[in-house]
Amino acid sequence: FDNVWKDFTDLLGMRYGFVLGEGGRDSFRVD
């Protein structure tokens, strides 16, 4: 879970959202 993009989107007044998936450390699925 990493939100470094939130810093970059905030910089330019962009909106930022995220969706968490489920699975293992290397491979996962998202709803």
Full PDB file with SEQRES, HELIX, SHEET, SSBOND, CRYST1, ORIGX, SCALE, CONECT and MASTER records, all heavy atoms in Angstrom:
SEQRES   1 A   31  PHE ASP ASN VAL TRP LYS ASP PHE THR ASP LEU LEU GLY          
SEQRES   2 A   31  MET ARG TYR GLY PHE VAL LEU GLY GLU GLY GLY ARG ASP          
SEQRES   3 A   31  SER PHE ARG VAL ASP                                          
HELIX    1 AA1 VAL A    4  LEU A   11  1                                   8    
CRYST1    1.000    1.000    1.000  90.00  90.00  90.00 P 1           1          
ORIGX1      1.000000  0.000000  0.000000        0.00000                         
ORIGX2      0.000000  1.000000  0.000000        0.00000                         
ORIGX3      0.000000  0.000000  1.000000        0.00000                         
SCALE1      1.000000  0.000000  0.000000        0.00000                         
SCALE2      0.000000  1.000000  0.000000        0.00000                         
SCALE3      0.000000  0.000000  1.000000        0.00000                         
ATOM      1  N   PHE A   1       0.863  -1.189   0.000  1.00  0.00           N  
ATOM      2  CA  PHE A   1       0.000   0.000   0.000  1.00  0.00           C  
ATOM      3  C   PHE A   1       0.898   1.239   0.000  1.00  0.00           C  
ATOM      4  O   PHE A   1       1.542   1.559   0.986  1.00  0.00           O  
ATOM      5  CB  PHE A   1      -0.901  -0.026   1.233  1.00  0.00           C  
ATOM      6  CG  PHE A   1      -1.936   1.063   1.243  1.00  0.00           C  
ATOM      7  CD1 PHE A   1      -2.786   1.267   0.170  1.00  0.00           C  
ATOM      8  CD2 PHE A   1      -2.081   1.885   2.357  1.00  0.00           C  
ATOM      9  CE1 PHE A   1      -3.761   2.255   0.193  1.00  0.00           C  
ATOM     10  CE2 PHE A   1      -3.047   2.875   2.388  1.00  0.00           C  
ATOM     11  CZ  PHE A   1      -3.884   3.066   1.304  1.00  0.00           C  
ATOM     12  N   ASP A   2       0.929   1.943  -1.137  1.00  0.00           N  
ATOM     13  CA  ASP A   2       1.860   3.061  -1.318  1.00  0.00           C  
ATOM     14  C   ASP A   2       1.123   4.206  -2.011  1.00  0.00           C  
ATOM     15  O   ASP A   2       0.573   4.026  -3.103  1.00  0.00           O  
ATOM     16  CB  ASP A   2       3.049   2.613  -2.165  1.00  0.00           C  
ATOM     17  CG  ASP A   2       4.147   3.678  -2.242  1.00  0.00           C  
ATOM     18  OD1 ASP A   2       4.015   4.713  -1.565  1.00  0.00           O  
ATOM     19  OD2 ASP A   2       5.116   3.464  -2.984  1.00  0.00           O  
ATOM     20  N   ASN A   3       1.124   5.375  -1.389  1.00  0.00           N  
ATOM     21  CA  ASN A   3       0.376   6.515  -1.923  1.00  0.00           C  
ATOM     22  C   ASN A   3       1.277   7.689  -2.285  1.00  0.00           C  
ATOM     23  O   ASN A   3       0.894   8.853  -2.134  1.00  0.00           O  
ATOM     24  CB  ASN A   3      -0.674   6.954  -0.903  1.00  0.00           C  
ATOM     25  CG  ASN A   3      -1.748   5.921  -0.711  1.00  0.00           C  
ATOM     26  OD1 ASN A   3      -2.628   5.763  -1.543  1.00  0.00           O  
ATOM     27  ND2 ASN A   3      -1.674   5.180   0.390  1.00  0.00           N  
ATOM     28  N   VAL A   4       2.470   7.380  -2.804  1.00  0.00           N  
ATOM     29  CA  VAL A   4       3.373   8.455  -3.212  1.00  0.00           C  
ATOM     30  C   VAL A   4       2.738   9.314  -4.301  1.00  0.00           C  
ATOM     31  O   VAL A   4       3.018  10.517  -4.416  1.00  0.00           O  
ATOM     32  CB  VAL A   4       4.727   7.870  -3.671  1.00  0.00           C  
ATOM     33  CG1 VAL A   4       4.574   7.045  -4.938  1.00  0.00           C  
ATOM     34  CG2 VAL A   4       5.746   8.989  -3.883  1.00  0.00           C  
ATOM     35  N   TRP A   5       1.846   8.721  -5.122  1.00  0.00           N  
ATOM     36  CA  TRP A   5       1.188   9.499  -6.165  1.00  0.00           C  
ATOM     37  C   TRP A   5       0.286  10.580  -5.597  1.00  0.00           C  
ATOM     38  O   TRP A   5      -0.009  11.568  -6.277  1.00  0.00           O  
ATOM     39  CB  TRP A   5       0.403   8.584  -7.109  1.00  0.00           C  
ATOM     40  CG  TRP A   5       1.279   7.966  -8.151  1.00  0.00           C  
ATOM     41  CD1 TRP A   5       1.682   6.674  -8.250  1.00  0.00           C  
ATOM     42  CD2 TRP A   5       1.883   8.645  -9.262  1.00  0.00           C  
ATOM     43  NE1 TRP A   5       2.506   6.491  -9.334  1.00  0.00           N  
ATOM     44  CE2 TRP A   5       2.637   7.691  -9.974  1.00  0.00           C  
ATOM     45  CE3 TRP A   5       1.855   9.958  -9.716  1.00  0.00           C  
ATOM     46  CZ2 TRP A   5       3.362   8.010 -11.130  1.00  0.00           C  
ATOM     47  CZ3 TRP A   5       2.580  10.280 -10.857  1.00  0.00           C  
ATOM     48  CH2 TRP A   5       3.314   9.318 -11.548  1.00  0.00           C  
ATOM     49  N   LYS A   6      -0.138  10.420  -4.365  1.00  0.00           N  
ATOM     50  CA  LYS A   6      -0.961  11.456  -3.735  1.00  0.00           C  
ATOM     51  C   LYS A   6      -0.166  12.757  -3.616  1.00  0.00           C  
ATOM     52  O   LYS A   6      -0.714  13.859  -3.807  1.00  0.00           O  
ATOM     53  CB  LYS A   6      -1.406  10.992  -2.349  1.00  0.00           C  
ATOM     54  CG  LYS A   6      -2.243  11.997  -1.558  1.00  0.00           C  
ATOM     55  CD  LYS A   6      -3.568  12.295  -2.228  1.00  0.00           C  
ATOM     56  CE  LYS A   6      -4.580  12.898  -1.270  1.00  0.00           C  
ATOM     57  NZ  LYS A   6      -4.139  14.077  -0.537  1.00  0.00           N  
ATOM     58  N   ASP A   7       1.124  12.674  -3.318  1.00  0.00           N  
ATOM     59  CA  ASP A   7       1.959  13.875  -3.235  1.00  0.00           C  
ATOM     60  C   ASP A   7       2.024  14.581  -4.591  1.00  0.00           C  
ATOM     61  O   ASP A   7       1.944  15.814  -4.667  1.00  0.00           O  
ATOM     62  CB  ASP A   7       3.377  13.513  -2.780  1.00  0.00           C  
ATOM     63  CG  ASP A   7       3.409  12.951  -1.376  1.00  0.00           C  
ATOM     64  OD1 ASP A   7       2.443  13.164  -0.620  1.00  0.00           O  
ATOM     65  OD2 ASP A   7       4.410  12.287  -1.028  1.00  0.00           O  
ATOM     66  N   PHE A   8       2.177  13.802  -5.648  1.00  0.00           N  
ATOM     67  CA  PHE A   8       2.302  14.393  -6.982  1.00  0.00           C  
ATOM     68  C   PHE A   8       0.975  14.984  -7.467  1.00  0.00           C  
ATOM     69  O   PHE A   8       0.957  16.056  -8.074  1.00  0.00           O  
ATOM     70  CB  PHE A   8       2.806  13.347  -7.974  1.00  0.00           C  
ATOM     71  CG  PHE A   8       4.264  13.036  -7.834  1.00  0.00           C  
ATOM     72  CD1 PHE A   8       4.695  11.942  -7.106  1.00  0.00           C  
ATOM     73  CD2 PHE A   8       5.219  13.849  -8.433  1.00  0.00           C  
ATOM     74  CE1 PHE A   8       6.042  11.661  -6.971  1.00  0.00           C  
ATOM     75  CE2 PHE A   8       6.573  13.575  -8.302  1.00  0.00           C  
ATOM     76  CZ  PHE A   8       6.989  12.482  -7.567  1.00  0.00           C  
ATOM     77  N   THR A   9      -0.136  14.294  -7.219  1.00  0.00           N  
ATOM     78  CA  THR A   9      -1.424  14.839  -7.653  1.00  0.00           C  
ATOM     79  C   THR A   9      -1.790  16.085  -6.854  1.00  0.00           C  
ATOM     80  O   THR A   9      -2.308  17.059  -7.411  1.00  0.00           O  
ATOM     81  CB  THR A   9      -2.538  13.782  -7.545  1.00  0.00           C  
ATOM     82  OG1 THR A   9      -2.546  13.227  -6.225  1.00  0.00           O  
ATOM     83  CG2 THR A   9      -2.314  12.668  -8.558  1.00  0.00           C  
ATOM     84  N   ASP A  10      -1.498  16.080  -5.564  1.00  0.00           N  
ATOM     85  CA  ASP A  10      -1.743  17.283  -4.759  1.00  0.00           C  
ATOM     86  C   ASP A  10      -0.953  18.468  -5.297  1.00  0.00           C  
ATOM     87  O   ASP A  10      -1.434  19.607  -5.298  1.00  0.00           O  
ATOM     88  CB  ASP A  10      -1.353  17.040  -3.303  1.00  0.00           C  
ATOM     89  CG  ASP A  10      -2.357  16.172  -2.552  1.00  0.00           C  
ATOM     90  OD1 ASP A  10      -3.426  15.867  -3.122  1.00  0.00           O  
ATOM     91  OD2 ASP A  10      -2.062  15.796  -1.403  1.00  0.00           O  
ATOM     92  N   LEU A  11       0.267  18.206  -5.747  1.00  0.00           N  
ATOM     93  CA  LEU A  11       1.138  19.273  -6.241  1.00  0.00           C  
ATOM     94  C   LEU A  11       0.467  20.064  -7.360  1.00  0.00           C  
ATOM     95  O   LEU A  11       0.586  21.296  -7.421  1.00  0.00           O  
ATOM     96  CB  LEU A  11       2.454  18.672  -6.745  1.00  0.00           C  
ATOM     97  CG  LEU A  11       3.480  19.645  -7.351  1.00  0.00           C  
ATOM     98  CD1 LEU A  11       4.033  20.568  -6.274  1.00  0.00           C  
ATOM     99  CD2 LEU A  11       4.603  18.888  -8.032  1.00  0.00           C  
ATOM    100  N   LEU A  12      -0.258  19.381  -8.239  1.00  0.00           N  
ATOM    101  CA  LEU A  12      -0.857  20.035  -9.394  1.00  0.00           C  
ATOM    102  C   LEU A  12      -2.370  20.212  -9.264  1.00  0.00           C  
ATOM    103  O   LEU A  12      -3.049  20.548 -10.233  1.00  0.00           O  
ATOM    104  CB  LEU A  12      -0.550  19.239 -10.665  1.00  0.00           C  
ATOM    105  CG  LEU A  12       0.922  19.150 -11.049  1.00  0.00           C  
ATOM    106  CD1 LEU A  12       1.086  18.376 -12.353  1.00  0.00           C  
ATOM    107  CD2 LEU A  12       1.547  20.529 -11.178  1.00  0.00           C  
ATOM    108  N   GLY A  13      -2.909  20.002  -8.065  1.00  0.00           N  
ATOM    109  CA  GLY A  13      -4.338  20.197  -7.869  1.00  0.00           C  
ATOM    110  C   GLY A  13      -5.186  19.132  -8.529  1.00  0.00           C  
ATOM    111  O   GLY A  13      -6.355  19.375  -8.873  1.00  0.00           O  
ATOM    112  N   MET A  14      -4.644  17.938  -8.727  1.00  0.00           N  
ATOM    113  CA  MET A  14      -5.393  16.822  -9.297  1.00  0.00           C  
ATOM    114  C   MET A  14      -6.058  16.030  -8.176  1.00  0.00           C  
ATOM    115  O   MET A  14      -5.663  16.108  -7.014  1.00  0.00           O  
ATOM    116  CB  MET A  14      -4.465  15.893 -10.082  1.00  0.00           C  
ATOM    117  CG  MET A  14      -3.803  16.528 -11.286  1.00  0.00           C  
ATOM    118  SD  MET A  14      -2.612  15.383 -12.036  1.00  0.00           S  
ATOM    119  CE  MET A  14      -2.109  16.308 -13.487  1.00  0.00           C  
ATOM    120  N   ARG A  15      -7.060  15.248  -8.520  1.00  0.00           N  
ATOM    121  CA  ARG A  15      -7.708  14.358  -7.559  1.00  0.00           C  
ATOM    122  C   ARG A  15      -7.033  12.983  -7.592  1.00  0.00           C  
ATOM    123  O   ARG A  15      -6.582  12.538  -8.644  1.00  0.00           O  
ATOM    124  CB  ARG A  15      -9.196  14.211  -7.890  1.00  0.00           C  
ATOM    125  CG  ARG A  15     -10.041  15.444  -7.570  1.00  0.00           C  
ATOM    126  CD  ARG A  15     -11.300  15.469  -8.412  1.00  0.00           C  
ATOM    127  NE  ARG A  15     -10.974  15.725  -9.815  1.00  0.00           N  
ATOM    128  CZ  ARG A  15     -11.823  15.514 -10.811  1.00  0.00           C  
ATOM    129  NH1 ARG A  15     -13.020  15.005 -10.571  1.00  0.00           N  
ATOM    130  NH2 ARG A  15     -11.465  15.772 -12.058  1.00  0.00           N  
ATOM    131  N   TYR A  16      -7.014  12.337  -6.435  1.00  0.00           N  
ATOM    132  CA  TYR A  16      -6.349  11.030  -6.312  1.00  0.00           C  
ATOM    133  C   TYR A  16      -7.266  10.056  -5.579  1.00  0.00           C  
ATOM    134  O   TYR A  16      -7.816  10.378  -4.525  1.00  0.00           O  
ATOM    135  CB  TYR A  16      -5.045  11.179  -5.530  1.00  0.00           C  
ATOM    136  CG  TYR A  16      -4.387   9.864  -5.166  1.00  0.00           C  
ATOM    137  CD1 TYR A  16      -3.582   9.195  -6.073  1.00  0.00           C  
ATOM    138  CD2 TYR A  16      -4.596   9.281  -3.914  1.00  0.00           C  
ATOM    139  CE1 TYR A  16      -2.982   7.991  -5.742  1.00  0.00           C  
ATOM    140  CE2 TYR A  16      -3.998   8.074  -3.575  1.00  0.00           C  
ATOM    141  CZ  TYR A  16      -3.195   7.431  -4.494  1.00  0.00           C  
ATOM    142  OH  TYR A  16      -2.600   6.236  -4.159  1.00  0.00           O  
ATOM    143  N   GLY A  17      -7.422   8.896  -6.169  1.00  0.00           N  
ATOM    144  CA  GLY A  17      -8.173   7.840  -5.512  1.00  0.00           C  
ATOM    145  C   GLY A  17      -7.439   6.521  -5.617  1.00  0.00           C  
ATOM    146  O   GLY A  17      -6.464   6.386  -6.355  1.00  0.00           O  
ATOM    147  N   PHE A  18      -7.895   5.522  -4.864  1.00  0.00           N  
ATOM    148  CA  PHE A  18      -7.261   4.212  -4.920  1.00  0.00           C  
ATOM    149  C   PHE A  18      -8.291   3.120  -4.663  1.00  0.00           C  
ATOM    150  O   PHE A  18      -9.362   3.350  -4.090  1.00  0.00           O  
ATOM    151  CB  PHE A  18      -6.105   4.100  -3.927  1.00  0.00           C  
ATOM    152  CG  PHE A  18      -6.508   4.248  -2.468  1.00  0.00           C  
ATOM    153  CD1 PHE A  18      -7.000   3.169  -1.757  1.00  0.00           C  
ATOM    154  CD2 PHE A  18      -6.389   5.469  -1.834  1.00  0.00           C  
ATOM    155  CE1 PHE A  18      -7.370   3.308  -0.424  1.00  0.00           C  
ATOM    156  CE2 PHE A  18      -6.753   5.620  -0.504  1.00  0.00           C  
ATOM    157  CZ  PHE A  18      -7.247   4.534   0.207  1.00  0.00           C  
ATOM    158  N   VAL A  19      -7.947   1.917  -5.131  1.00  0.00           N  
ATOM    159  CA  VAL A  19      -8.731   0.711  -4.893  1.00  0.00           C  
ATOM    160  C   VAL A  19      -7.767  -0.377  -4.465  1.00  0.00           C  
ATOM    161  O   VAL A  19      -6.761  -0.614  -5.139  1.00  0.00           O  
ATOM    162  CB  VAL A  19      -9.492   0.261  -6.161  1.00  0.00           C  
ATOM    163  CG1 VAL A  19     -10.354  -0.961  -5.840  1.00  0.00           C  
ATOM    164  CG2 VAL A  19     -10.345   1.385  -6.722  1.00  0.00           C  
ATOM    165  N   LEU A  20      -8.049  -1.046  -3.358  1.00  0.00           N  
ATOM    166  CA  LEU A  20      -7.210  -2.147  -2.886  1.00  0.00           C  
ATOM    167  C   LEU A  20      -7.651  -3.461  -3.500  1.00  0.00           C  
ATOM    168  O   LEU A  20      -8.849  -3.731  -3.632  1.00  0.00           O  
ATOM    169  CB  LEU A  20      -7.298  -2.261  -1.366  1.00  0.00           C  
ATOM    170  CG  LEU A  20      -6.222  -1.584  -0.518  1.00  0.00           C  
ATOM    171  CD1 LEU A  20      -4.869  -2.225  -0.713  1.00  0.00           C  
ATOM    172  CD2 LEU A  20      -6.171  -0.104  -0.767  1.00  0.00           C  
ATOM    173  N   GLY A  21      -6.692  -4.276  -3.879  1.00  0.00           N  
ATOM    174  CA  GLY A  21      -6.975  -5.619  -4.345  1.00  0.00           C  
ATOM    175  C   GLY A  21      -6.789  -6.633  -3.237  1.00  0.00           C  
ATOM    176  O   GLY A  21      -6.510  -6.287  -2.085  1.00  0.00           O  
ATOM    177  N   GLU A  22      -6.919  -7.904  -3.588  1.00  0.00           N  
ATOM    178  CA  GLU A  22      -6.704  -8.989  -2.645  1.00  0.00           C  
ATOM    179  C   GLU A  22      -5.846 -10.063  -3.309  1.00  0.00           C  
ATOM    180  O   GLU A  22      -5.977 -10.313  -4.511  1.00  0.00           O  
ATOM    181  CB  GLU A  22      -8.035  -9.601  -2.191  1.00  0.00           C  
ATOM    182  CG  GLU A  22      -8.879  -8.644  -1.361  1.00  0.00           C  
ATOM    183  CD  GLU A  22     -10.105  -9.320  -0.791  1.00  0.00           C  
ATOM    184  OE1 GLU A  22     -10.682 -10.189  -1.487  1.00  0.00           O  
ATOM    185  OE2 GLU A  22     -10.495  -8.980   0.339  1.00  0.00           O  
ATOM    186  N   GLY A  23      -4.954 -10.664  -2.529  1.00  0.00           N  
ATOM    187  CA  GLY A  23      -4.099 -11.697  -3.089  1.00  0.00           C  
ATOM    188  C   GLY A  23      -2.776 -11.775  -2.369  1.00  0.00           C  
ATOM    189  O   GLY A  23      -2.642 -11.364  -1.209  1.00  0.00           O  
ATOM    190  N   GLY A  24      -1.764 -12.269  -3.094  1.00  0.00           N  
ATOM    191  CA  GLY A  24      -0.455 -12.485  -2.499  1.00  0.00           C  
ATOM    192  C   GLY A  24       0.473 -11.293  -2.659  1.00  0.00           C  
ATOM    193  O   GLY A  24       0.064 -10.216  -3.077  1.00  0.00           O  
ATOM    194  N   ARG A  25       1.742 -11.501  -2.367  1.00  0.00           N  
ATOM    195  CA  ARG A  25       2.719 -10.414  -2.394  1.00  0.00           C  
ATOM    196  C   ARG A  25       3.140 -10.042  -3.814  1.00  0.00           C  
ATOM    197  O   ARG A  25       3.544  -8.907  -4.052  1.00  0.00           O  
ATOM    198  CB  ARG A  25       3.956 -10.806  -1.572  1.00  0.00           C  
ATOM    199  CG  ARG A  25       3.647 -10.980  -0.096  1.00  0.00           C  
ATOM    200  CD  ARG A  25       4.879 -11.378   0.698  1.00  0.00           C  
ATOM    201  NE  ARG A  25       4.567 -11.573   2.104  1.00  0.00           N  
ATOM    202  CZ  ARG A  25       4.550 -10.619   3.025  1.00  0.00           C  
ATOM    203  NH1 ARG A  25       4.835  -9.376   2.665  1.00  0.00           N  
ATOM    204  NH2 ARG A  25       4.259 -10.885   4.277  1.00  0.00           N  
ATOM    205  N   ASP A  26       3.071 -10.972  -4.742  1.00  0.00           N  
ATOM    206  CA  ASP A  26       3.505 -10.688  -6.106  1.00  0.00           C  
ATOM    207  C   ASP A  26       2.362 -10.619  -7.112  1.00  0.00           C  
ATOM    208  O   ASP A  26       2.518 -10.052  -8.196  1.00  0.00           O  
ATOM    209  CB  ASP A  26       4.506 -11.760  -6.577  1.00  0.00           C  
ATOM    210  CG  ASP A  26       5.787 -11.754  -5.767  1.00  0.00           C  
ATOM    211  OD1 ASP A  26       6.158 -10.670  -5.273  1.00  0.00           O  
ATOM    212  OD2 ASP A  26       6.396 -12.828  -5.629  1.00  0.00           O  
ATOM    213  N   SER A  27       1.231 -11.201  -6.788  1.00  0.00           N  
ATOM    214  CA  SER A  27       0.125 -11.298  -7.726  1.00  0.00           C  
ATOM    215  C   SER A  27      -1.188 -11.113  -6.970  1.00  0.00           C  
ATOM    216  O   SER A  27      -1.350 -11.639  -5.858  1.00  0.00           O  
ATOM    217  CB  SER A  27       0.161 -12.670  -8.418  1.00  0.00           C  
ATOM    218  OG  SER A  27      -0.866 -12.783  -9.376  1.00  0.00           O  
ATOM    219  N   PHE A  28      -2.118 -10.380  -7.549  1.00  0.00           N  
ATOM    220  CA  PHE A  28      -3.369 -10.091  -6.844  1.00  0.00           C  
ATOM    221  C   PHE A  28      -4.481  -9.832  -7.850  1.00  0.00           C  
ATOM    222  O   PHE A  28      -4.255  -9.711  -9.051  1.00  0.00           O  
ATOM    223  CB  PHE A  28      -3.183  -8.889  -5.913  1.00  0.00           C  
ATOM    224  CG  PHE A  28      -3.032  -7.566  -6.623  1.00  0.00           C  
ATOM    225  CD1 PHE A  28      -4.078  -6.646  -6.650  1.00  0.00           C  
ATOM    226  CD2 PHE A  28      -1.847  -7.220  -7.273  1.00  0.00           C  
ATOM    227  CE1 PHE A  28      -3.956  -5.426  -7.306  1.00  0.00           C  
ATOM    228  CE2 PHE A  28      -1.715  -6.007  -7.931  1.00  0.00           C  
ATOM    229  CZ  PHE A  28      -2.765  -5.105  -7.946  1.00  0.00           C  
ATOM    230  N   ARG A  29      -5.706  -9.732  -7.348  1.00  0.00           N  
ATOM    231  CA  ARG A  29      -6.882  -9.412  -8.150  1.00  0.00           C  
ATOM    232  C   ARG A  29      -7.582  -8.213  -7.526  1.00  0.00           C  
ATOM    233  O   ARG A  29      -7.450  -7.960  -6.336  1.00  0.00           O  
ATOM    234  CB  ARG A  29      -7.855 -10.598  -8.208  1.00  0.00           C  
ATOM    235  CG  ARG A  29      -7.271 -11.844  -8.842  1.00  0.00           C  
ATOM    236  CD  ARG A  29      -8.285 -12.978  -8.843  1.00  0.00           C  
ATOM    237  NE  ARG A  29      -9.434 -12.684  -9.704  1.00  0.00           N  
ATOM    238  CZ  ARG A  29      -9.464 -12.914 -11.006  1.00  0.00           C  
ATOM    239  NH1 ARG A  29      -8.391 -13.428 -11.619  1.00  0.00           N  
ATOM    240  NH2 ARG A  29     -10.535 -12.648 -11.714  1.00  0.00           N  
ATOM    241  N   VAL A  30      -8.325  -7.500  -8.371  1.00  0.00           N  
ATOM    242  CA  VAL A  30      -9.097  -6.367  -7.877  1.00  0.00           C  
ATOM    243  C   VAL A  30     -10.555  -6.590  -8.243  1.00  0.00           C  
ATOM    244  O   VAL A  30     -10.871  -7.198  -9.286  1.00  0.00           O  
ATOM    245  CB  VAL A  30      -8.578  -5.042  -8.480  1.00  0.00           C  
ATOM    246  CG1 VAL A  30      -8.873  -4.946  -9.974  1.00  0.00           C  
ATOM    247  CG2 VAL A  30      -9.153  -3.840  -7.745  1.00  0.00           C  
ATOM    248  N   ASP A  31     -11.436  -6.144  -7.381  1.00  0.00           N  
ATOM    249  CA  ASP A  31     -12.870  -6.218  -7.652  1.00  0.00           C  
ATOM    250  C   ASP A  31     -13.208  -5.152  -8.694  1.00  0.00           C  
ATOM    251  O   ASP A  31     -13.096  -3.956  -8.419  1.00  0.00           O  
ATOM    252  CB  ASP A  31     -13.643  -5.988  -6.356  1.00  0.00           C  
ATOM    253  CG  ASP A  31     -15.134  -6.249  -6.509  1.00  0.00           C  
ATOM    254  OD1 ASP A  31     -15.687  -5.934  -7.587  1.00  0.00           O  
ATOM    255  OD2 ASP A  31     -15.749  -6.739  -5.550  1.00  0.00           O  
TER     256      ASP A  31                                                      
MASTER        0    0    0    1    0    0    0    6  255    1    0    3          
END                                                                             
